[in-house]
Amino acid sequence: MKMISLSLFAMAGLGAAALLTGAATTSKPAAPPLWRLYEQSLKRAKYVDLTHTIGPSIPVWAGFGPSTFGPTLNPATGKPYTYQADGFEATRYTLSTDQLGTQLDPPAHWNPSYPAIDELPPTFAVRPLVVISIVDQVKKDPGYQLAVADVLAWEKRNGRIPEGSVVFIRSDWSKEWPNPELATRKVFPGVKLEALKLLHEQRKILFHGHEPLDTDTTPDLEGEAWLLRNGYTQAEGVAHLDQVPEKGALVAIGFPKFQGGTGGYARFIAICPPDWKYGVSVGQLPEAPLARSDKPLHWDAALGVRVR
C-alpha cells in the first residue's frame, strides 16, 4: 500500500511539472501575416506626401475658374458657427471643379461609358511605385515630353517595370507650386503618347502620373484623350517626387467618392524603405493624440482660408 501511494504521488508530481513546463513554453499565437508585414516593414518605412494642399489660390485652368472657401453658416441664423458660441467650426467649400490640385482622373472625365471616381475598384489602394526622372532633359528643354527611350533607359538600370505598378514622371515642374501662373504656361513637361502606350499596353501598369496639370502639350491633348477614352486613369498635379527613390517604394492612393465624379481630389503617399533619407516613420510624430499647436486656427478674410 505504501509503494502504491508513493507511485501515485510521483505520478502526480510529474503531471504538475509537465503542466508547468507546458505553460512556460507555450508562446503567443503568431500574428496574422499582414500584421507581421506592418510590424516588420510598414511601421519602419519612411512616408512621403506627394500631394499639394488645396487652397483657393492654387493653379487651376482658367476654363474652370477660381474656388472659394468660407465658414459654414447656420441656416437658422445665417451666422457662422464659432468655437466660442457653438464649440466647433466648419468650412464651406465652393469648388469650381473636381479637377483641382493633386488629382486622380477617372476615365469618365472624357468617356461616360467608363467608371466615374466613385466606381473605381478598392484595389486602387497600394501599389509598387516607379519614378522616372526627366529633370535633366527639362533643364535643357522646359517642354520636354517623356519618350519611349526614357522608359527603356529606366528599365536598363532597374529592371522591367512591375505589372500593376504606378509610374510617376518626375520633372520638378511642381517646385514653383502654388504660383497661379503655372496654370497659364503653354510650355511644360509631359508624356508622349507612344510612351503611354508602352506603359499600359506592354508593361500593363495601373496608371501613370505627372506633375503638371495636363498630360502633354499637343493641341488636342492626345495622350490624355487616348488614356481616358480607353478606360485608363491618370494622376495629375503630383508633388515632391524629388524625395522618392526611383524604385523600391510603394504608393498609397486615397480619394473621396463623389457620386458620378468625373475628377478626383487625391492623396498620394509614398512608402519608402526604412533607410531612405526623406520622410517620416510611424512613431516619430504624435498621432493619437495629435500634437497641440500654440497657434490656434483662425479665419483669415484676406486669404479666404483658415491659417495658424
C-alpha atoms as a PDB file:
ATOM      1  CA  MET A   1       0.000   0.000   0.000  1.00  0.00           C
ATOM      2  CA  LYS A   2       2.856   2.323   0.846  1.00  0.00           C
ATOM      3  CA  MET A   3       4.506   1.654  -2.535  1.00  0.00           C
ATOM      4  CA  ILE A   4       1.257   2.395  -4.399  1.00  0.00           C
ATOM      5  CA  SER A   5       0.861   5.697  -2.517  1.00  0.00           C
ATOM      6  CA  LEU A   6       4.411   6.704  -3.378  1.00  0.00           C
ATOM      7  CA  SER A   7       3.877   5.826  -7.035  1.00  0.00           C
ATOM      8  CA  LEU A   8       0.697   7.884  -7.209  1.00  0.00           C
ATOM      9  CA  PHE A   9       2.466  10.801  -5.535  1.00  0.00           C
ATOM     10  CA  ALA A  10       5.331  10.576  -8.028  1.00  0.00           C
ATOM     11  CA  MET A  11       2.933  10.471 -10.985  1.00  0.00           C
ATOM     12  CA  ALA A  12       1.066  13.500  -9.666  1.00  0.00           C
ATOM     13  CA  GLY A  13       4.336  15.385  -9.296  1.00  0.00           C
ATOM     14  CA  LEU A  14       5.387  14.541 -12.819  1.00  0.00           C
ATOM     15  CA  GLY A  15       1.994  15.683 -14.170  1.00  0.00           C
ATOM     16  CA  ALA A  16       2.213  19.006 -12.363  1.00  0.00           C
ATOM     17  CA  ALA A  17       5.733  19.547 -13.651  1.00  0.00           C
ATOM     18  CA  ALA A  18       4.607  18.822 -17.189  1.00  0.00           C
ATOM     19  CA  LEU A  19       1.786  21.328 -16.878  1.00  0.00           C
ATOM     20  CA  LEU A  20       4.137  23.992 -15.547  1.00  0.00           C
ATOM     21  CA  THR A  21       6.676  23.294 -18.263  1.00  0.00           C
ATOM     22  CA  GLY A  22       3.976  23.477 -20.926  1.00  0.00           C
ATOM     23  CA  ALA A  23       2.696  26.775 -19.595  1.00  0.00           C
ATOM     24  CA  ALA A  24       6.203  28.201 -19.631  1.00  0.00           C
ATOM     25  CA  THR A  25       6.999  27.131 -23.198  1.00  0.00           C
ATOM     26  CA  THR A  26       3.672  27.930 -24.859  1.00  0.00           C
ATOM     27  CA  SER A  27       4.160  31.072 -26.983  1.00  0.00           C
ATOM     28  CA  LYS A  28       1.589  33.610 -28.093  1.00  0.00           C
ATOM     29  CA  PRO A  29      -0.237  32.770 -31.310  1.00  0.00           C
ATOM     30  CA  ALA A  30       1.635  34.013 -34.364  1.00  0.00           C
ATOM     31  CA  ALA A  31       0.416  37.360 -35.658  1.00  0.00           C
ATOM     32  CA  PRO A  32      -1.559  37.222 -38.920  1.00  0.00           C
ATOM     33  CA  PRO A  33       0.679  37.677 -41.989  1.00  0.00           C
ATOM     34  CA  LEU A  34      -0.479  41.191 -42.861  1.00  0.00           C
ATOM     35  CA  TRP A  35       0.012  42.356 -39.257  1.00  0.00           C
ATOM     36  CA  ARG A  36       3.529  40.929 -39.344  1.00  0.00           C
ATOM     37  CA  LEU A  37       4.106  42.823 -42.600  1.00  0.00           C
ATOM     38  CA  TYR A  38       3.056  46.044 -40.875  1.00  0.00           C
ATOM     39  CA  GLU A  39       5.278  45.468 -37.830  1.00  0.00           C
ATOM     40  CA  GLN A  40       8.290  44.315 -39.808  1.00  0.00           C
ATOM     41  CA  SER A  41       8.142  46.656 -42.822  1.00  0.00           C
ATOM     42  CA  LEU A  42       5.416  49.278 -42.987  1.00  0.00           C
ATOM     43  CA  LYS A  43       5.866  50.531 -39.431  1.00  0.00           C
ATOM     44  CA  ARG A  44       9.562  51.163 -40.056  1.00  0.00           C
ATOM     45  CA  ALA A  45       9.122  52.594 -43.556  1.00  0.00           C
ATOM     46  CA  LYS A  46       9.536  56.284 -44.433  1.00  0.00           C
ATOM     47  CA  TYR A  47       6.360  58.064 -45.564  1.00  0.00           C
ATOM     48  CA  VAL A  48       6.498  60.973 -48.037  1.00  0.00           C
ATOM     49  CA  ASP A  49       3.423  63.013 -49.003  1.00  0.00           C
ATOM     50  CA  LEU A  50       3.161  63.529 -52.768  1.00  0.00           C
ATOM     51  CA  THR A  51       0.112  65.798 -52.514  1.00  0.00           C
ATOM     52  CA  HIS A  52      -0.453  69.542 -52.841  1.00  0.00           C
ATOM     53  CA  THR A  53      -2.619  71.289 -50.253  1.00  0.00           C
ATOM     54  CA  ILE A  54      -5.844  72.559 -51.829  1.00  0.00           C
ATOM     55  CA  GLY A  55      -6.471  76.260 -51.317  1.00  0.00           C
ATOM     56  CA  PRO A  56      -8.491  78.935 -53.120  1.00  0.00           C
ATOM     57  CA  SER A  57      -5.457  80.425 -54.883  1.00  0.00           C
ATOM     58  CA  ILE A  58      -3.679  77.332 -56.245  1.00  0.00           C
ATOM     59  CA  PRO A  59      -3.084  76.981 -60.000  1.00  0.00           C
ATOM     60  CA  VAL A  60      -6.159  75.941 -61.993  1.00  0.00           C
ATOM     61  CA  TRP A  61      -7.159  76.080 -65.649  1.00  0.00           C
ATOM     62  CA  ALA A  62      -8.870  79.385 -66.458  1.00  0.00           C
ATOM     63  CA  GLY A  63     -11.732  77.457 -68.024  1.00  0.00           C
ATOM     64  CA  PHE A  64     -12.704  76.186 -64.582  1.00  0.00           C
ATOM     65  CA  GLY A  65     -12.250  79.433 -62.697  1.00  0.00           C
ATOM     66  CA  PRO A  66     -11.414  80.001 -59.024  1.00  0.00           C
ATOM     67  CA  SER A  67     -12.789  78.266 -55.952  1.00  0.00           C
ATOM     68  CA  THR A  68     -13.738  79.911 -52.669  1.00  0.00           C
ATOM     69  CA  PHE A  69     -13.681  78.801 -49.044  1.00  0.00           C
ATOM     70  CA  GLY A  70     -15.776  80.217 -46.236  1.00  0.00           C
ATOM     71  CA  PRO A  71     -17.129  79.417 -42.790  1.00  0.00           C
ATOM     72  CA  THR A  72     -20.192  77.159 -42.752  1.00  0.00           C
ATOM     73  CA  LEU A  73     -23.305  79.176 -41.894  1.00  0.00           C
ATOM     74  CA  ASN A  74     -26.061  78.075 -39.571  1.00  0.00           C
ATOM     75  CA  PRO A  75     -29.147  78.130 -41.858  1.00  0.00           C
ATOM     76  CA  ALA A  76     -31.344  79.144 -38.928  1.00  0.00           C
ATOM     77  CA  THR A  77     -29.326  82.258 -38.097  1.00  0.00           C
ATOM     78  CA  GLY A  78     -27.262  82.964 -41.195  1.00  0.00           C
ATOM     79  CA  LYS A  79     -24.198  83.260 -38.967  1.00  0.00           C
ATOM     80  CA  PRO A  80     -21.066  81.118 -38.998  1.00  0.00           C
ATOM     81  CA  TYR A  81     -20.517  78.516 -36.322  1.00  0.00           C
ATOM     82  CA  THR A  82     -17.772  79.544 -33.892  1.00  0.00           C
ATOM     83  CA  TYR A  83     -15.695  77.808 -31.267  1.00  0.00           C
ATOM     84  CA  GLN A  84     -16.810  80.365 -28.712  1.00  0.00           C
ATOM     85  CA  ALA A  85     -20.591  80.166 -29.302  1.00  0.00           C
ATOM     86  CA  ASP A  86     -21.050  76.631 -30.629  1.00  0.00           C
ATOM     87  CA  GLY A  87     -17.982  74.693 -29.553  1.00  0.00           C
ATOM     88  CA  PHE A  88     -16.943  73.897 -33.129  1.00  0.00           C
ATOM     89  CA  GLU A  89     -16.386  75.405 -36.556  1.00  0.00           C
ATOM     90  CA  ALA A  90     -16.961  74.028 -40.046  1.00  0.00           C
ATOM     91  CA  THR A  91     -15.945  75.083 -43.539  1.00  0.00           C
ATOM     92  CA  ARG A  92     -17.951  75.707 -46.698  1.00  0.00           C
ATOM     93  CA  TYR A  93     -16.140  74.902 -49.954  1.00  0.00           C
ATOM     94  CA  THR A  94     -17.378  76.312 -53.258  1.00  0.00           C
ATOM     95  CA  LEU A  95     -15.219  74.326 -55.650  1.00  0.00           C
ATOM     96  CA  SER A  96     -15.268  75.296 -59.301  1.00  0.00           C
ATOM     97  CA  THR A  97     -14.206  71.838 -60.458  1.00  0.00           C
ATOM     98  CA  ASP A  98     -13.207  68.349 -59.398  1.00  0.00           C
ATOM     99  CA  GLN A  99     -10.034  68.894 -61.459  1.00  0.00           C
ATOM    100  CA  LEU A 100      -8.164  70.732 -58.721  1.00  0.00           C
ATOM    101  CA  GLY A 101      -4.722  70.292 -57.193  1.00  0.00           C
ATOM    102  CA  THR A 102      -3.353  66.757 -56.948  1.00  0.00           C
ATOM    103  CA  GLN A 103      -5.867  64.593 -58.789  1.00  0.00           C
ATOM    104  CA  LEU A 104      -6.792  61.114 -59.913  1.00  0.00           C
ATOM    105  CA  ASP A 105      -8.588  61.343 -63.245  1.00  0.00           C
ATOM    106  CA  PRO A 106     -11.151  58.572 -63.809  1.00  0.00           C
ATOM    107  CA  PRO A 107     -11.910  57.720 -67.451  1.00  0.00           C
ATOM    108  CA  ALA A 108     -15.437  59.170 -67.117  1.00  0.00           C
ATOM    109  CA  HIS A 109     -13.749  62.583 -67.341  1.00  0.00           C
ATOM    110  CA  TRP A 110     -13.643  62.023 -71.126  1.00  0.00           C
ATOM    111  CA  ASN A 111     -15.851  58.968 -71.695  1.00  0.00           C
ATOM    112  CA  PRO A 112     -19.182  58.412 -69.879  1.00  0.00           C
ATOM    113  CA  SER A 113     -19.121  54.688 -70.660  1.00  0.00           C
ATOM    114  CA  TYR A 114     -16.218  54.137 -68.239  1.00  0.00           C
ATOM    115  CA  PRO A 115     -16.108  54.433 -64.410  1.00  0.00           C
ATOM    116  CA  ALA A 116     -16.516  57.676 -62.511  1.00  0.00           C
ATOM    117  CA  ILE A 117     -14.375  58.328 -59.429  1.00  0.00           C
ATOM    118  CA  ASP A 118     -16.812  56.525 -57.101  1.00  0.00           C
ATOM    119  CA  GLU A 119     -16.753  53.446 -59.330  1.00  0.00           C
ATOM    120  CA  LEU A 120     -13.021  52.761 -59.203  1.00  0.00           C
ATOM    121  CA  PRO A 121     -12.276  49.414 -57.533  1.00  0.00           C
ATOM    122  CA  PRO A 122     -10.898  49.252 -53.968  1.00  0.00           C
ATOM    123  CA  THR A 123      -7.738  47.643 -55.356  1.00  0.00           C
ATOM    124  CA  PHE A 124      -6.676  51.216 -56.209  1.00  0.00           C
ATOM    125  CA  ALA A 125      -5.186  51.344 -52.718  1.00  0.00           C
ATOM    126  CA  VAL A 126      -1.495  50.456 -52.656  1.00  0.00           C
ATOM    127  CA  ARG A 127       0.884  49.599 -55.494  1.00  0.00           C
ATOM    128  CA  PRO A 128       4.593  49.407 -56.378  1.00  0.00           C
ATOM    129  CA  LEU A 129       5.843  52.898 -57.267  1.00  0.00           C
ATOM    130  CA  VAL A 130       8.166  53.628 -60.178  1.00  0.00           C
ATOM    131  CA  VAL A 131       9.604  57.133 -60.587  1.00  0.00           C
ATOM    132  CA  ILE A 132      11.090  58.060 -63.968  1.00  0.00           C
ATOM    133  CA  SER A 133      13.015  61.329 -63.938  1.00  0.00           C
ATOM    134  CA  ILE A 134      13.223  63.668 -66.923  1.00  0.00           C
ATOM    135  CA  VAL A 135      14.671  66.509 -64.834  1.00  0.00           C
ATOM    136  CA  ASP A 136      17.910  66.742 -66.834  1.00  0.00           C
ATOM    137  CA  GLN A 137      16.042  66.867 -70.128  1.00  0.00           C
ATOM    138  CA  VAL A 138      13.629  69.516 -68.814  1.00  0.00           C
ATOM    139  CA  LYS A 139      16.536  71.728 -67.724  1.00  0.00           C
ATOM    140  CA  LYS A 140      17.565  71.919 -71.384  1.00  0.00           C
ATOM    141  CA  ASP A 141      14.030  71.941 -72.792  1.00  0.00           C
ATOM    142  CA  PRO A 142      11.154  73.033 -70.477  1.00  0.00           C
ATOM    143  CA  GLY A 143       8.681  71.428 -72.873  1.00  0.00           C
ATOM    144  CA  TYR A 144      10.366  68.025 -72.939  1.00  0.00           C
ATOM    145  CA  GLN A 145       7.973  65.062 -73.213  1.00  0.00           C
ATOM    146  CA  LEU A 146       8.800  61.631 -71.763  1.00  0.00           C
ATOM    147  CA  ALA A 147       9.697  59.280 -74.616  1.00  0.00           C
ATOM    148  CA  VAL A 148       9.883  55.504 -75.006  1.00  0.00           C
ATOM    149  CA  ALA A 149      13.677  55.795 -74.779  1.00  0.00           C
ATOM    150  CA  ASP A 150      13.375  57.259 -71.270  1.00  0.00           C
ATOM    151  CA  VAL A 151      11.285  54.301 -70.124  1.00  0.00           C
ATOM    152  CA  LEU A 152      13.739  51.819 -71.615  1.00  0.00           C
ATOM    153  CA  ALA A 153      16.679  53.640 -70.040  1.00  0.00           C
ATOM    154  CA  TRP A 154      14.989  53.339 -66.626  1.00  0.00           C
ATOM    155  CA  GLU A 155      14.494  49.614 -67.198  1.00  0.00           C
ATOM    156  CA  LYS A 156      18.125  49.175 -68.230  1.00  0.00           C
ATOM    157  CA  ARG A 157      19.160  50.495 -64.794  1.00  0.00           C
ATOM    158  CA  ASN A 158      16.427  48.931 -62.681  1.00  0.00           C
ATOM    159  CA  GLY A 159      14.817  46.008 -64.484  1.00  0.00           C
ATOM    160  CA  ARG A 160      11.387  45.660 -66.036  1.00  0.00           C
ATOM    161  CA  ILE A 161       8.613  47.901 -64.681  1.00  0.00           C
ATOM    162  CA  PRO A 162       6.320  45.733 -62.490  1.00  0.00           C
ATOM    163  CA  GLU A 163       2.897  44.873 -63.860  1.00  0.00           C
ATOM    164  CA  GLY A 164       0.144  46.707 -61.970  1.00  0.00           C
ATOM    165  CA  SER A 165       2.506  49.403 -60.712  1.00  0.00           C
ATOM    166  CA  VAL A 166       2.064  53.169 -60.666  1.00  0.00           C
ATOM    167  CA  VAL A 167       4.579  55.169 -62.712  1.00  0.00           C
ATOM    168  CA  PHE A 168       5.133  58.810 -61.751  1.00  0.00           C
ATOM    169  CA  ILE A 169       7.108  61.110 -64.041  1.00  0.00           C
ATOM    170  CA  ARG A 170       9.422  63.459 -62.191  1.00  0.00           C
ATOM    171  CA  SER A 171      10.063  66.800 -63.906  1.00  0.00           C
ATOM    172  CA  ASP A 172      10.355  69.179 -60.899  1.00  0.00           C
ATOM    173  CA  TRP A 173       7.685  71.378 -62.559  1.00  0.00           C
ATOM    174  CA  SER A 174       5.862  71.442 -59.216  1.00  0.00           C
ATOM    175  CA  LYS A 175       8.702  73.190 -57.392  1.00  0.00           C
ATOM    176  CA  GLU A 176       7.058  76.539 -58.255  1.00  0.00           C
ATOM    177  CA  TRP A 177       3.711  75.484 -56.742  1.00  0.00           C
ATOM    178  CA  PRO A 178       1.440  77.239 -55.714  1.00  0.00           C
ATOM    179  CA  ASN A 179       2.318  80.021 -58.173  1.00  0.00           C
ATOM    180  CA  PRO A 180      -1.006  80.562 -60.050  1.00  0.00           C
ATOM    181  CA  GLU A 181       0.975  81.429 -63.182  1.00  0.00           C
ATOM    182  CA  LEU A 182       1.838  77.749 -63.610  1.00  0.00           C
ATOM    183  CA  ALA A 183      -1.640  77.074 -64.973  1.00  0.00           C
ATOM    184  CA  THR A 184      -1.194  79.675 -67.740  1.00  0.00           C
ATOM    185  CA  ARG A 185       2.053  78.353 -69.199  1.00  0.00           C
ATOM    186  CA  LYS A 186       1.756  76.776 -72.631  1.00  0.00           C
ATOM    187  CA  VAL A 187       5.133  75.091 -72.401  1.00  0.00           C
ATOM    188  CA  PHE A 188       5.533  72.404 -69.744  1.00  0.00           C
ATOM    189  CA  PRO A 189       6.938  68.870 -69.453  1.00  0.00           C
ATOM    190  CA  GLY A 190       4.663  65.995 -70.430  1.00  0.00           C
ATOM    191  CA  VAL A 191       4.420  62.428 -71.682  1.00  0.00           C
ATOM    192  CA  LYS A 192       4.363  61.287 -75.308  1.00  0.00           C
ATOM    193  CA  LEU A 193       1.520  59.054 -76.476  1.00  0.00           C
ATOM    194  CA  GLU A 194       3.975  56.345 -77.541  1.00  0.00           C
ATOM    195  CA  ALA A 195       5.371  56.174 -74.008  1.00  0.00           C
ATOM    196  CA  LEU A 196       1.881  55.930 -72.533  1.00  0.00           C
ATOM    197  CA  LYS A 197       1.016  53.069 -74.881  1.00  0.00           C
ATOM    198  CA  LEU A 198       4.205  51.229 -73.942  1.00  0.00           C
ATOM    199  CA  LEU A 199       3.482  51.598 -70.235  1.00  0.00           C
ATOM    200  CA  HIS A 200      -0.137  50.494 -70.472  1.00  0.00           C
ATOM    201  CA  GLU A 201      -0.266  48.001 -73.320  1.00  0.00           C
ATOM    202  CA  GLN A 202       3.094  46.292 -72.813  1.00  0.00           C
ATOM    203  CA  ARG A 203       4.059  46.875 -69.167  1.00  0.00           C
ATOM    204  CA  LYS A 204       0.403  46.828 -68.068  1.00  0.00           C
ATOM    205  CA  ILE A 205       0.761  49.451 -65.326  1.00  0.00           C
ATOM    206  CA  LEU A 206      -2.215  50.601 -63.251  1.00  0.00           C
ATOM    207  CA  PHE A 207      -1.761  54.280 -64.113  1.00  0.00           C
ATOM    208  CA  HIS A 208       0.861  56.947 -64.642  1.00  0.00           C
ATOM    209  CA  GLY A 209       1.104  60.382 -63.054  1.00  0.00           C
ATOM    210  CA  HIS A 210       2.826  63.676 -63.786  1.00  0.00           C
ATOM    211  CA  GLU A 211       3.471  66.985 -62.029  1.00  0.00           C
ATOM    212  CA  PRO A 212       1.792  69.439 -64.449  1.00  0.00           C
ATOM    213  CA  LEU A 213      -1.987  69.766 -64.741  1.00  0.00           C
ATOM    214  CA  ASP A 214      -2.114  68.288 -68.258  1.00  0.00           C
ATOM    215  CA  THR A 215      -0.609  65.179 -69.808  1.00  0.00           C
ATOM    216  CA  ASP A 216       1.056  66.747 -72.826  1.00  0.00           C
ATOM    217  CA  THR A 217       1.236  69.914 -74.932  1.00  0.00           C
ATOM    218  CA  THR A 218      -0.370  68.647 -78.132  1.00  0.00           C
ATOM    219  CA  PRO A 219      -3.297  70.789 -79.427  1.00  0.00           C
ATOM    220  CA  ASP A 220      -5.876  68.066 -78.719  1.00  0.00           C
ATOM    221  CA  LEU A 221      -4.201  66.597 -75.603  1.00  0.00           C
ATOM    222  CA  GLU A 222      -3.739  63.335 -77.476  1.00  0.00           C
ATOM    223  CA  GLY A 223      -2.215  61.465 -74.526  1.00  0.00           C
ATOM    224  CA  GLU A 224      -4.990  62.289 -72.077  1.00  0.00           C
ATOM    225  CA  ALA A 225      -7.596  61.654 -74.765  1.00  0.00           C
ATOM    226  CA  TRP A 226      -6.223  58.189 -75.535  1.00  0.00           C
ATOM    227  CA  LEU A 227      -5.971  57.231 -71.860  1.00  0.00           C
ATOM    228  CA  LEU A 228      -9.393  58.314 -70.663  1.00  0.00           C
ATOM    229  CA  ARG A 229     -11.331  57.346 -73.788  1.00  0.00           C
ATOM    230  CA  ASN A 230      -9.937  53.825 -73.468  1.00  0.00           C
ATOM    231  CA  GLY A 231     -10.696  53.223 -69.802  1.00  0.00           C
ATOM    232  CA  TYR A 232      -7.410  54.176 -68.151  1.00  0.00           C
ATOM    233  CA  THR A 233      -6.896  56.514 -65.207  1.00  0.00           C
ATOM    234  CA  GLN A 234      -4.100  59.023 -64.631  1.00  0.00           C
ATOM    235  CA  ALA A 235      -2.738  61.207 -61.840  1.00  0.00           C
ATOM    236  CA  GLU A 236      -2.047  64.921 -62.256  1.00  0.00           C
ATOM    237  CA  GLY A 237      -0.514  67.577 -60.033  1.00  0.00           C
ATOM    238  CA  VAL A 238       1.776  65.111 -58.242  1.00  0.00           C
ATOM    239  CA  ALA A 239       4.319  66.714 -55.875  1.00  0.00           C
ATOM    240  CA  HIS A 240       7.662  66.043 -54.136  1.00  0.00           C
ATOM    241  CA  LEU A 241       8.887  63.340 -56.494  1.00  0.00           C
ATOM    242  CA  ASP A 242      12.425  64.555 -55.772  1.00  0.00           C
ATOM    243  CA  GLN A 243      12.008  62.979 -52.318  1.00  0.00           C
ATOM    244  CA  VAL A 244      11.197  59.461 -53.557  1.00  0.00           C
ATOM    245  CA  PRO A 245      13.530  56.704 -54.834  1.00  0.00           C
ATOM    246  CA  GLU A 246      13.164  55.727 -58.483  1.00  0.00           C
ATOM    247  CA  LYS A 247      12.494  52.116 -57.458  1.00  0.00           C
ATOM    248  CA  GLY A 248      11.688  50.132 -54.328  1.00  0.00           C
ATOM    249  CA  ALA A 249       8.844  52.231 -52.874  1.00  0.00           C
ATOM    250  CA  LEU A 250       5.096  51.711 -52.694  1.00  0.00           C
ATOM    251  CA  VAL A 251       2.368  54.305 -53.142  1.00  0.00           C
ATOM    252  CA  ALA A 252      -0.822  54.538 -51.084  1.00  0.00           C
ATOM    253  CA  ILE A 253      -3.730  56.025 -53.039  1.00  0.00           C
ATOM    254  CA  GLY A 254      -6.712  57.804 -51.500  1.00  0.00           C
ATOM    255  CA  PHE A 255      -9.566  59.853 -52.948  1.00  0.00           C
ATOM    256  CA  PRO A 256     -13.119  60.859 -51.948  1.00  0.00           C
ATOM    257  CA  LYS A 257     -16.067  59.021 -53.537  1.00  0.00           C
ATOM    258  CA  PHE A 258     -18.126  61.777 -55.130  1.00  0.00           C
ATOM    259  CA  GLN A 259     -21.102  60.159 -56.836  1.00  0.00           C
ATOM    260  CA  GLY A 260     -20.680  60.332 -60.590  1.00  0.00           C
ATOM    261  CA  GLY A 261     -17.476  62.340 -60.149  1.00  0.00           C
ATOM    262  CA  THR A 262     -15.512  62.994 -63.328  1.00  0.00           C
ATOM    263  CA  GLY A 263     -12.417  64.033 -61.411  1.00  0.00           C
ATOM    264  CA  GLY A 264     -10.931  63.240 -58.066  1.00  0.00           C
ATOM    265  CA  TYR A 265      -9.047  65.156 -55.415  1.00  0.00           C
ATOM    266  CA  ALA A 266      -6.381  62.652 -54.423  1.00  0.00           C
ATOM    267  CA  ARG A 267      -3.871  61.923 -51.681  1.00  0.00           C
ATOM    268  CA  PHE A 268      -0.755  60.018 -52.731  1.00  0.00           C
ATOM    269  CA  ILE A 269       1.690  58.831 -50.052  1.00  0.00           C
ATOM    270  CA  ALA A 270       4.991  57.203 -50.998  1.00  0.00           C
ATOM    271  CA  ILE A 271       6.046  54.383 -48.650  1.00  0.00           C
ATOM    272  CA  CYS A 272       9.831  54.242 -48.867  1.00  0.00           C
ATOM    273  CA  PRO A 273      12.467  51.886 -47.410  1.00  0.00           C
ATOM    274  CA  PRO A 274      13.381  52.480 -43.725  1.00  0.00           C
ATOM    275  CA  ASP A 275      16.863  53.753 -44.593  1.00  0.00           C
ATOM    276  CA  TRP A 276      15.591  56.316 -47.115  1.00  0.00           C
ATOM    277  CA  LYS A 277      16.805  59.873 -46.436  1.00  0.00           C
ATOM    278  CA  TYR A 278      13.392  61.552 -46.712  1.00  0.00           C
ATOM    279  CA  GLY A 279      10.079  61.038 -44.975  1.00  0.00           C
ATOM    280  CA  VAL A 280       8.822  60.159 -41.520  1.00  0.00           C
ATOM    281  CA  SER A 281       8.221  56.812 -39.828  1.00  0.00           C
ATOM    282  CA  VAL A 282       5.393  55.656 -37.582  1.00  0.00           C
ATOM    283  CA  GLY A 283       6.065  56.870 -34.058  1.00  0.00           C
ATOM    284  CA  GLN A 284       8.264  59.811 -34.995  1.00  0.00           C
ATOM    285  CA  LEU A 285       5.392  62.300 -34.746  1.00  0.00           C
ATOM    286  CA  PRO A 286       2.456  62.438 -32.302  1.00  0.00           C
ATOM    287  CA  GLU A 287      -0.539  60.625 -33.803  1.00  0.00           C
ATOM    288  CA  ALA A 288      -3.045  59.725 -31.108  1.00  0.00           C
ATOM    289  CA  PRO A 289      -3.478  62.256 -29.738  1.00  0.00           C
ATOM    290  CA  LEU A 290      -2.052  64.587 -32.360  1.00  0.00           C
ATOM    291  CA  ALA A 291       0.205  67.468 -31.368  1.00  0.00           C
ATOM    292  CA  ARG A 292      -1.464  70.536 -29.915  1.00  0.00           C
ATOM    293  CA  SER A 293      -0.412  73.823 -31.531  1.00  0.00           C
ATOM    294  CA  ASP A 294       0.270  77.019 -29.631  1.00  0.00           C
ATOM    295  CA  LYS A 295      -1.110  78.904 -32.664  1.00  0.00           C
ATOM    296  CA  PRO A 296      -4.852  78.141 -32.953  1.00  0.00           C
ATOM    297  CA  LEU A 297      -6.534  78.141 -36.356  1.00  0.00           C
ATOM    298  CA  HIS A 298      -8.346  81.351 -37.229  1.00  0.00           C
ATOM    299  CA  TRP A 299     -10.155  82.669 -40.264  1.00  0.00           C
ATOM    300  CA  ASP A 300      -8.093  84.998 -42.489  1.00  0.00           C
ATOM    301  CA  ALA A 301     -10.565  87.048 -44.533  1.00  0.00           C
ATOM    302  CA  ALA A 302      -7.831  88.366 -46.849  1.00  0.00           C
ATOM    303  CA  LEU A 303      -6.585  84.893 -47.762  1.00  0.00           C
ATOM    304  CA  GLY A 304     -10.019  83.276 -47.659  1.00  0.00           C
ATOM    305  CA  VAL A 305      -8.824  80.295 -45.600  1.00  0.00           C
ATOM    306  CA  ARG A 306      -8.097  79.311 -42.015  1.00  0.00           C
ATOM    307  CA  VAL A 307      -4.466  79.765 -41.014  1.00  0.00           C
ATOM    308  CA  ARG A 308      -2.367  79.454 -37.880  1.00  0.00           C
END
